[in-house]
Amino acid sequence: MEKNESTVELIRAMLGNMPQPNYGSVSEDNIFKILSIENKELFHSKFLKYLIEKNWNSFITFLQSNDILANASGIGKLESIDCEYPYSCSQDCPQQKSGSFDLYIQAQKHTIAIEIKWYAGEQPYQLLRYYKALKKDNTEGTTLIFLTLNGKKGNSVKCDGCFQQCYLTEQNYKCLSFMKISEWINYILSTHPDTLLKQYNEILTEETKNMTIADNILDSIKEADRFAVACALADSMDTVKAKIRNEFFEALRKKLGEKGYTLSATTKNKIYEILPPKEGGNEAPRYLVAYSTNLYCQKDDDWWYIKPVWFDSRMDKRKPDSDTVKGTDEKINLAGLSEATNPVVKWYFMKNNKTKEKTSMIDNVAENILIQLELKK
């Protein structure tokens, strides 16, 4: 197969298998992202400990609804929950070694051990060792949970290291995904809003989305030379995004020019100044259209997000409240351009037969910017 044909085939396969997840899920002020701890398994253990302690009854009901526990009412009250809980090895197994459970939960009538795998792989016979250690001190009333991003089954479930030929069945341990944990968190948030919990759920949403996309891409590639093509595509995405941003600002410059305003050359590739038809003296206000991550407009020290709705219709009048004060989820990520519903991306890829609508979108944005900056009454 010719190289160009292989490239086209790969692109089609990747796009055809690509899911449509909820893009742009992690906010700029997400404390876990800022601290760069979202990929550490111990962090997830500790946060889940905090979450379970605060929502014990809800957690048990959640496990029952996902067929992990048969009877939530028979578990009893929470007595203790520990991270990195140590266990001793079994003397009758040559493959056993001491270790620790990521989460060890003791209730009145039941014990739950949770092994968390964020991205790391399993150690040899890991789940089998955990199961035997759990049963060693608890002959009944136990549940071993294998918690991963996508709820996959364990690999280390069978051992042929001696004559015992030990193995685990699906009845010996339960698989659970962080996707399901995210659904449980959404349920909690529906009745008890909590900023910290919302930010943690953003991390889960982002990472499970990334894993889903990664699995689909790998399924489409299958060969080493096609992986190189995929890498070349990824390496070129910053250039692709820059072309989309540049065309957007050029279209905005042209539209503002039609209305009698000049859009200056870019400063640091992110800041553009709007110059009125008649410039004032040194004390004249400074008007900007810019982005760091999100698109905004600014008059001196006051600034406002340019929202998706600005592309669809014109405002009757300016809205004086600053989004920097009250906050908003209605932002346009111009740095990443990753959202499937991003209005700049939608505008750029509009078909030729929708030229009128495409022109109208830029016209609406230009008008709304002028209204918000009080350049047009």
Protein backbone atom coordinates (compact mmCIF):
# COMPACT_ATOMS: atom_id res chain seq x y z
CA MET A 1 0.00 0.00 0.00
CA GLU A 2 1.31 3.47 -0.86
CA LYS A 3 2.31 5.63 2.10
CA ASN A 4 -0.27 8.32 1.33
CA GLU A 5 -3.03 5.73 1.04
CA SER A 6 -1.99 4.22 4.37
CA THR A 7 -2.09 7.64 6.00
CA VAL A 8 -5.57 8.41 4.66
CA GLU A 9 -6.82 4.98 5.73
CA LEU A 10 -5.45 5.49 9.24
CA ILE A 11 -7.02 8.93 9.60
CA ARG A 12 -10.39 7.57 8.49
CA ALA A 13 -10.14 4.67 10.94
CA MET A 14 -9.18 6.94 13.82
CA LEU A 15 -11.95 9.44 13.13
CA GLY A 16 -14.50 6.70 12.63
CA ASN A 17 -13.74 5.11 16.00
CA MET A 18 -13.39 8.35 17.93
CA PRO A 19 -15.90 8.76 20.77
CA GLN A 20 -17.69 12.03 21.47
CA PRO A 21 -16.96 12.60 25.17
CA ASN A 22 -17.51 15.70 27.27
CA TYR A 23 -14.54 17.87 26.28
CA GLY A 24 -13.11 20.72 28.30
CA SER A 25 -14.03 19.15 31.63
CA VAL A 26 -11.14 20.41 33.80
CA SER A 27 -11.45 24.01 34.99
CA GLU A 28 -8.46 26.36 35.07
CA ASP A 29 -8.57 26.63 38.86
CA ASN A 30 -8.75 22.87 39.48
CA ILE A 31 -6.59 22.43 42.56
CA PHE A 32 -5.62 18.83 41.72
CA LYS A 33 -4.39 19.85 38.26
CA ILE A 34 -2.51 22.83 39.68
CA LEU A 35 -0.71 20.58 42.19
CA SER A 36 -0.04 17.92 39.50
CA ILE A 37 -1.23 15.07 41.71
CA GLU A 38 -4.09 13.77 39.57
CA ASN A 39 -2.02 10.82 38.27
CA LYS A 40 -0.81 9.58 41.65
CA GLU A 41 -2.58 6.45 42.93
CA LEU A 42 -1.99 7.33 46.59
CA PHE A 43 -3.81 10.62 46.05
CA HIS A 44 -6.83 8.75 44.72
CA SER A 45 -6.72 6.35 47.67
CA LYS A 46 -6.71 9.21 50.15
CA PHE A 47 -9.41 11.17 48.37
CA LEU A 48 -11.67 8.11 48.12
CA LYS A 49 -11.10 7.50 51.83
CA TYR A 50 -12.31 11.05 52.51
CA LEU A 51 -15.24 10.62 50.15
CA ILE A 52 -16.38 7.25 51.54
CA GLU A 53 -16.13 8.42 55.15
CA LYS A 54 -18.40 11.39 54.38
CA ASN A 55 -20.88 9.35 52.34
CA TRP A 56 -20.84 5.85 53.83
CA ASN A 57 -24.51 4.91 53.40
CA SER A 58 -24.53 6.28 49.87
CA PHE A 59 -21.34 4.36 49.06
CA ILE A 60 -22.79 1.04 50.20
CA THR A 61 -25.97 1.64 48.20
CA PHE A 62 -23.80 2.53 45.19
CA LEU A 63 -21.88 -0.76 45.50
CA GLN A 64 -25.11 -2.73 45.71
CA SER A 65 -26.56 -0.99 42.63
CA ASN A 66 -23.44 -2.04 40.70
CA ASP A 67 -23.72 -5.70 41.78
CA ILE A 68 -20.63 -5.52 43.96
CA LEU A 69 -22.47 -6.07 47.23
CA ALA A 70 -25.50 -8.32 47.46
CA ASN A 71 -27.11 -6.74 50.51
CA ALA A 72 -26.29 -3.18 51.54
CA SER A 73 -28.47 -3.34 54.67
CA GLY A 74 -26.40 -6.20 56.07
CA ILE A 75 -23.07 -4.34 56.05
CA GLY A 76 -23.54 -2.24 59.16
CA LYS A 77 -21.92 1.02 60.24
CA LEU A 78 -18.45 2.06 59.17
CA GLU A 79 -15.87 1.28 61.86
CA SER A 80 -12.59 2.21 60.15
CA ILE A 81 -11.05 2.95 56.79
CA ASP A 82 -7.31 2.99 56.10
CA CYS A 83 -5.00 3.73 53.17
CA GLU A 84 -1.95 1.54 52.53
CA TYR A 85 -3.19 -1.00 55.08
CA PRO A 86 -0.47 -3.67 55.59
CA TYR A 87 -1.09 -7.40 55.42
CA SER A 88 1.18 -10.35 56.19
CA CYS A 89 1.98 -13.06 53.69
CA SER A 90 0.48 -16.53 53.76
CA GLN A 91 2.94 -19.22 54.89
CA ASP A 92 1.51 -21.92 52.64
CA CYS A 93 2.26 -20.15 49.33
CA PRO A 94 5.75 -19.80 47.79
CA GLN A 95 4.56 -16.87 45.65
CA GLN A 96 3.14 -14.85 48.54
CA LYS A 97 4.79 -11.73 49.92
CA SER A 98 3.75 -9.06 52.38
CA GLY A 99 2.18 -5.90 51.03
CA SER A 100 -0.65 -3.45 51.62
CA PHE A 101 -4.19 -2.77 50.46
CA ASP A 102 -4.75 0.63 48.85
CA LEU A 103 -7.99 0.94 50.84
CA TYR A 104 -9.09 -1.31 53.69
CA ILE A 105 -12.62 -0.72 54.97
CA GLN A 106 -14.02 -2.38 58.07
CA ALA A 107 -17.73 -2.21 58.80
CA GLN A 108 -19.65 -3.93 61.59
CA LYS A 109 -20.43 -7.02 59.51
CA HIS A 110 -18.22 -6.76 56.43
CA THR A 111 -14.69 -6.01 55.26
CA ILE A 112 -13.92 -4.39 51.90
CA ALA A 113 -10.45 -4.17 50.35
CA ILE A 114 -9.91 -2.01 47.27
CA GLU A 115 -6.93 -2.24 44.94
CA ILE A 116 -6.57 0.91 42.80
CA LYS A 117 -4.85 0.96 39.44
CA TRP A 118 -4.79 4.38 37.80
CA TYR A 119 -2.46 3.64 34.89
CA ALA A 120 0.16 1.30 36.38
CA GLY A 121 0.05 -2.42 35.62
CA GLU A 122 -0.46 -5.25 38.08
CA GLN A 123 2.32 -6.99 39.91
CA PRO A 124 2.59 -10.80 39.44
CA TYR A 125 -0.30 -12.62 41.13
CA GLN A 126 -1.28 -9.36 42.84
CA LEU A 127 -5.05 -9.84 43.04
CA LEU A 128 -4.60 -13.48 44.02
CA ARG A 129 -2.28 -12.46 46.86
CA TYR A 130 -4.75 -9.80 48.02
CA TYR A 131 -7.62 -12.25 48.00
CA LYS A 132 -5.73 -14.83 50.06
CA ALA A 133 -4.57 -12.15 52.52
CA LEU A 134 -8.11 -10.83 52.88
CA LYS A 135 -9.51 -14.30 53.53
CA LYS A 136 -6.70 -15.15 55.94
CA ASP A 137 -8.08 -12.85 58.65
CA ASN A 138 -11.71 -12.72 57.50
CA THR A 139 -13.21 -16.11 56.72
CA GLU A 140 -16.54 -14.60 55.62
CA GLY A 141 -18.11 -11.22 54.95
CA THR A 142 -15.41 -9.88 52.64
CA THR A 143 -15.29 -8.16 49.25
CA LEU A 144 -12.21 -7.51 47.11
CA ILE A 145 -12.67 -4.69 44.57
CA PHE A 146 -10.36 -4.02 41.62
CA LEU A 147 -10.80 -0.31 40.78
CA THR A 148 -9.43 0.93 37.42
CA LEU A 149 -10.21 3.73 35.01
CA ASN A 150 -12.32 1.53 32.75
CA GLY A 151 -13.28 -1.39 35.01
CA LYS A 152 -11.03 -3.95 33.32
CA LYS A 153 -10.54 -7.46 34.64
CA GLY A 154 -7.36 -8.44 36.44
CA ASN A 155 -4.48 -10.15 34.65
CA SER A 156 -2.82 -11.77 37.66
CA VAL A 157 -5.65 -14.09 38.66
CA LYS A 158 -4.00 -17.48 38.18
CA CYS A 159 -0.83 -18.99 39.64
CA ASP A 160 0.88 -22.20 38.57
CA GLY A 161 3.87 -21.70 40.85
CA CYS A 162 3.16 -24.84 42.86
CA PHE A 163 0.90 -27.89 43.03
CA GLN A 164 -2.02 -25.86 44.49
CA GLN A 165 -2.76 -24.20 41.12
CA CYS A 166 -4.56 -21.25 42.79
CA TYR A 167 -6.77 -18.95 40.74
CA LEU A 168 -9.53 -16.35 41.12
CA THR A 169 -12.99 -16.49 39.60
CA GLU A 170 -15.33 -13.58 38.90
CA GLN A 171 -17.04 -14.45 42.19
CA ASN A 172 -13.81 -13.91 44.15
CA TYR A 173 -13.32 -10.25 43.22
CA LYS A 174 -15.35 -7.45 41.68
CA CYS A 175 -14.31 -5.00 38.97
CA LEU A 176 -15.24 -1.33 39.31
CA SER A 177 -14.41 1.65 37.12
CA PHE A 178 -13.69 5.27 37.96
CA MET A 179 -16.40 6.04 35.38
CA LYS A 180 -18.89 4.51 37.82
CA ILE A 181 -17.30 6.42 40.72
CA SER A 182 -17.84 9.57 38.66
CA GLU A 183 -21.53 8.71 38.25
CA TRP A 184 -21.81 8.24 42.02
CA ILE A 185 -20.14 11.61 42.61
CA ASN A 186 -22.59 13.26 40.21
CA TYR A 187 -25.41 11.81 42.29
CA ILE A 188 -23.90 13.27 45.48
CA LEU A 189 -23.37 16.65 43.81
CA SER A 190 -27.01 16.75 42.68
CA THR A 191 -28.09 17.14 46.30
CA HIS A 192 -24.93 18.40 48.03
CA PRO A 193 -22.92 20.83 45.85
CA ASP A 194 -19.24 20.79 46.77
CA THR A 195 -16.47 22.60 44.87
CA LEU A 196 -13.70 20.20 45.90
CA LEU A 197 -15.77 17.16 44.93
CA LYS A 198 -16.74 18.79 41.64
CA GLN A 199 -13.06 19.40 40.82
CA TYR A 200 -12.16 15.81 41.66
CA ASN A 201 -14.90 14.63 39.34
CA GLU A 202 -13.46 16.82 36.60
CA ILE A 203 -10.22 14.85 36.89
CA LEU A 204 -12.08 11.54 36.62
CA THR A 205 -14.03 12.73 33.59
CA GLU A 206 -10.88 13.96 31.84
CA GLU A 207 -8.81 10.85 32.49
CA THR A 208 -11.50 8.33 31.60
CA LYS A 209 -12.14 10.29 28.40
CA ASN A 210 -8.43 10.24 27.55
CA MET A 211 -8.19 6.49 28.16
CA THR A 212 -11.23 5.82 25.98
CA ILE A 213 -9.76 7.85 23.14
CA ALA A 214 -6.33 6.25 23.57
CA ASP A 215 -7.82 2.74 23.40
CA ASN A 216 -9.72 3.63 20.22
CA ILE A 217 -6.64 5.13 18.60
CA LEU A 218 -4.51 2.08 19.46
CA ASP A 219 -7.22 -0.19 18.12
CA SER A 220 -7.15 1.76 14.84
CA ILE A 221 -3.34 1.82 14.49
CA LYS A 222 -2.33 -1.83 15.05
CA GLU A 223 0.99 -1.45 13.16
CA ALA A 224 4.25 0.33 14.03
CA ASP A 225 4.42 2.40 10.83
CA ARG A 226 0.86 3.61 11.35
CA PHE A 227 1.79 4.63 14.89
CA ALA A 228 4.41 6.93 13.36
CA VAL A 229 1.67 8.52 11.22
CA ALA A 230 -0.47 9.07 14.32
CA CYS A 231 2.48 10.69 16.11
CA ALA A 232 3.04 13.00 13.14
CA LEU A 233 -0.63 14.02 13.30
CA ALA A 234 -0.36 14.72 17.02
CA ASP A 235 2.83 16.74 16.60
CA SER A 236 1.13 18.88 13.97
CA MET A 237 -1.96 19.74 16.02
CA ASP A 238 -0.49 22.92 17.55
CA THR A 239 0.11 24.22 14.03
CA VAL A 240 -3.42 23.23 13.00
CA LYS A 241 -4.91 25.07 15.99
CA ALA A 242 -2.80 28.14 15.27
CA LYS A 243 -4.15 28.25 11.69
CA ILE A 244 -7.75 28.12 12.99
CA ARG A 245 -7.10 30.89 15.54
CA ASN A 246 -5.35 33.09 12.96
CA GLU A 247 -8.20 32.73 10.47
CA PHE A 248 -10.73 33.59 13.19
CA PHE A 249 -8.92 36.81 14.13
CA GLU A 250 -8.45 37.73 10.47
CA ALA A 251 -12.20 37.33 9.89
CA LEU A 252 -12.88 39.41 13.02
CA ARG A 253 -10.42 42.07 11.80
CA LYS A 254 -12.21 42.28 8.45
CA LYS A 255 -15.66 42.52 10.07
CA LEU A 256 -14.57 45.22 12.54
CA GLY A 257 -13.00 47.09 9.64
CA GLU A 258 -16.36 47.12 7.87
CA LYS A 259 -17.78 48.76 10.98
CA GLY A 260 -15.10 51.46 11.09
CA TYR A 261 -12.76 49.92 13.67
CA THR A 262 -9.20 48.68 13.32
CA LEU A 263 -7.92 45.50 14.92
CA SER A 264 -4.20 45.85 15.61
CA ALA A 265 -1.50 43.32 14.94
CA THR A 266 -1.20 40.69 17.61
CA THR A 267 0.91 41.14 20.74
CA LYS A 268 2.54 37.91 21.96
CA ASN A 269 0.16 36.08 19.58
CA LYS A 270 -2.67 36.47 22.08
CA ILE A 271 -3.64 40.14 22.45
CA TYR A 272 -5.28 42.36 19.82
CA GLU A 273 -6.21 46.02 20.32
CA ILE A 274 -9.37 47.56 18.88
CA LEU A 275 -8.71 51.09 17.66
CA PRO A 276 -11.80 53.35 17.34
CA PRO A 277 -12.22 55.50 14.19
CA LYS A 278 -11.05 58.59 16.08
CA GLU A 279 -8.36 57.93 18.63
CA GLY A 280 -8.42 59.97 21.83
CA GLY A 281 -5.53 61.37 23.78
CA ASN A 282 -3.30 59.51 26.18
CA GLU A 283 -6.19 59.08 28.62
CA ALA A 284 -8.41 57.30 26.07
CA PRO A 285 -9.60 53.82 27.15
CA ARG A 286 -7.75 50.82 25.80
CA TYR A 287 -9.92 48.15 24.15
CA LEU A 288 -8.67 44.59 23.67
CA VAL A 289 -9.73 41.22 22.29
CA ALA A 290 -7.48 38.51 23.69
CA TYR A 291 -7.09 35.04 25.13
CA SER A 292 -4.83 33.25 27.58
CA THR A 293 -6.84 30.06 27.66
CA ASN A 294 -10.31 31.49 27.06
CA LEU A 295 -11.44 34.23 24.67
CA TYR A 296 -12.31 37.58 26.27
CA CYS A 297 -12.62 41.30 25.59
CA GLN A 298 -11.30 44.08 27.82
CA LYS A 299 -11.76 47.79 28.47
CA ASP A 300 -8.91 49.13 30.58
CA ASP A 301 -8.95 46.90 33.69
CA ASP A 302 -12.45 45.44 33.20
CA TRP A 303 -12.87 42.28 31.12
CA TRP A 304 -15.55 39.83 30.08
CA TYR A 305 -15.59 36.35 28.59
CA ILE A 306 -16.76 36.18 24.98
CA LYS A 307 -19.40 33.47 25.31
CA PRO A 308 -20.69 30.94 22.77
CA VAL A 309 -24.04 32.74 22.67
CA TRP A 310 -22.25 35.81 21.26
CA PHE A 311 -21.82 33.84 18.01
CA ASP A 312 -25.54 33.06 17.73
CA SER A 313 -27.29 36.37 18.33
CA ARG A 314 -26.76 40.01 19.20
CA MET A 315 -27.18 41.45 22.68
CA ASP A 316 -29.81 44.15 23.19
CA LYS A 317 -27.44 45.95 25.56
CA ARG A 318 -24.13 45.39 27.32
CA LYS A 319 -23.96 43.34 30.49
CA PRO A 320 -21.91 45.28 33.03
CA ASP A 321 -21.24 42.47 35.51
CA SER A 322 -17.74 41.13 35.09
CA ASP A 323 -17.36 37.38 34.68
CA THR A 324 -14.15 37.70 36.66
CA VAL A 325 -16.33 38.35 39.72
CA LYS A 326 -19.25 35.98 39.34
CA GLY A 327 -17.55 33.25 37.28
CA THR A 328 -19.06 31.29 34.42
CA ASP A 329 -18.85 27.92 32.71
CA GLU A 330 -19.72 29.57 29.38
CA LYS A 331 -16.18 30.00 28.14
CA ILE A 332 -14.50 29.48 24.77
CA ASN A 333 -11.19 27.66 25.07
CA LEU A 334 -9.17 29.30 22.31
CA ALA A 335 -5.82 27.89 23.41
CA GLY A 336 -6.82 24.22 23.27
CA LEU A 337 -9.76 24.38 20.81
CA SER A 338 -10.53 20.85 21.99
CA GLU A 339 -14.28 21.02 22.59
CA ALA A 340 -16.41 19.40 19.91
CA THR A 341 -18.93 22.24 20.37
CA ASN A 342 -16.33 25.02 20.43
CA PRO A 343 -17.96 27.86 18.40
CA VAL A 344 -14.65 28.91 16.80
CA VAL A 345 -14.10 25.33 15.59
CA LYS A 346 -17.71 25.08 14.38
CA TRP A 347 -17.32 28.39 12.57
CA TYR A 348 -14.07 27.34 10.90
CA PHE A 349 -15.39 24.03 9.56
CA MET A 350 -18.71 25.35 8.30
CA LYS A 351 -19.39 24.14 4.76
CA ASN A 352 -19.42 26.48 1.79
CA ASN A 353 -23.18 26.15 1.46
CA LYS A 354 -23.48 27.80 4.86
CA THR A 355 -21.41 30.87 3.98
CA LYS A 356 -24.22 33.22 5.02
CA GLU A 357 -24.46 31.61 8.46
CA LYS A 358 -20.67 31.64 8.82
CA THR A 359 -20.56 35.37 8.01
CA SER A 360 -23.43 36.02 10.41
CA MET A 361 -21.55 34.36 13.28
CA ILE A 362 -18.54 36.66 12.90
CA ASP A 363 -20.84 39.66 12.51
CA ASN A 364 -22.61 38.77 15.77
CA VAL A 365 -19.32 38.40 17.63
CA ALA A 366 -18.00 41.73 16.33
CA GLU A 367 -21.24 43.55 17.22
CA ASN A 368 -21.40 42.04 20.70
CA ILE A 369 -17.78 42.96 21.41
CA LEU A 370 -18.45 46.58 20.42
CA ILE A 371 -21.62 46.68 22.53
CA GLN A 372 -19.89 45.16 25.57
CA LEU A 373 -16.95 47.58 25.30
CA GLU A 374 -19.34 50.53 24.87
CA LEU A 375 -17.88 51.34 21.49
CA LYS A 376 -21.36 51.05 20.04
CA LYS A 377 -24.45 52.23 21.91
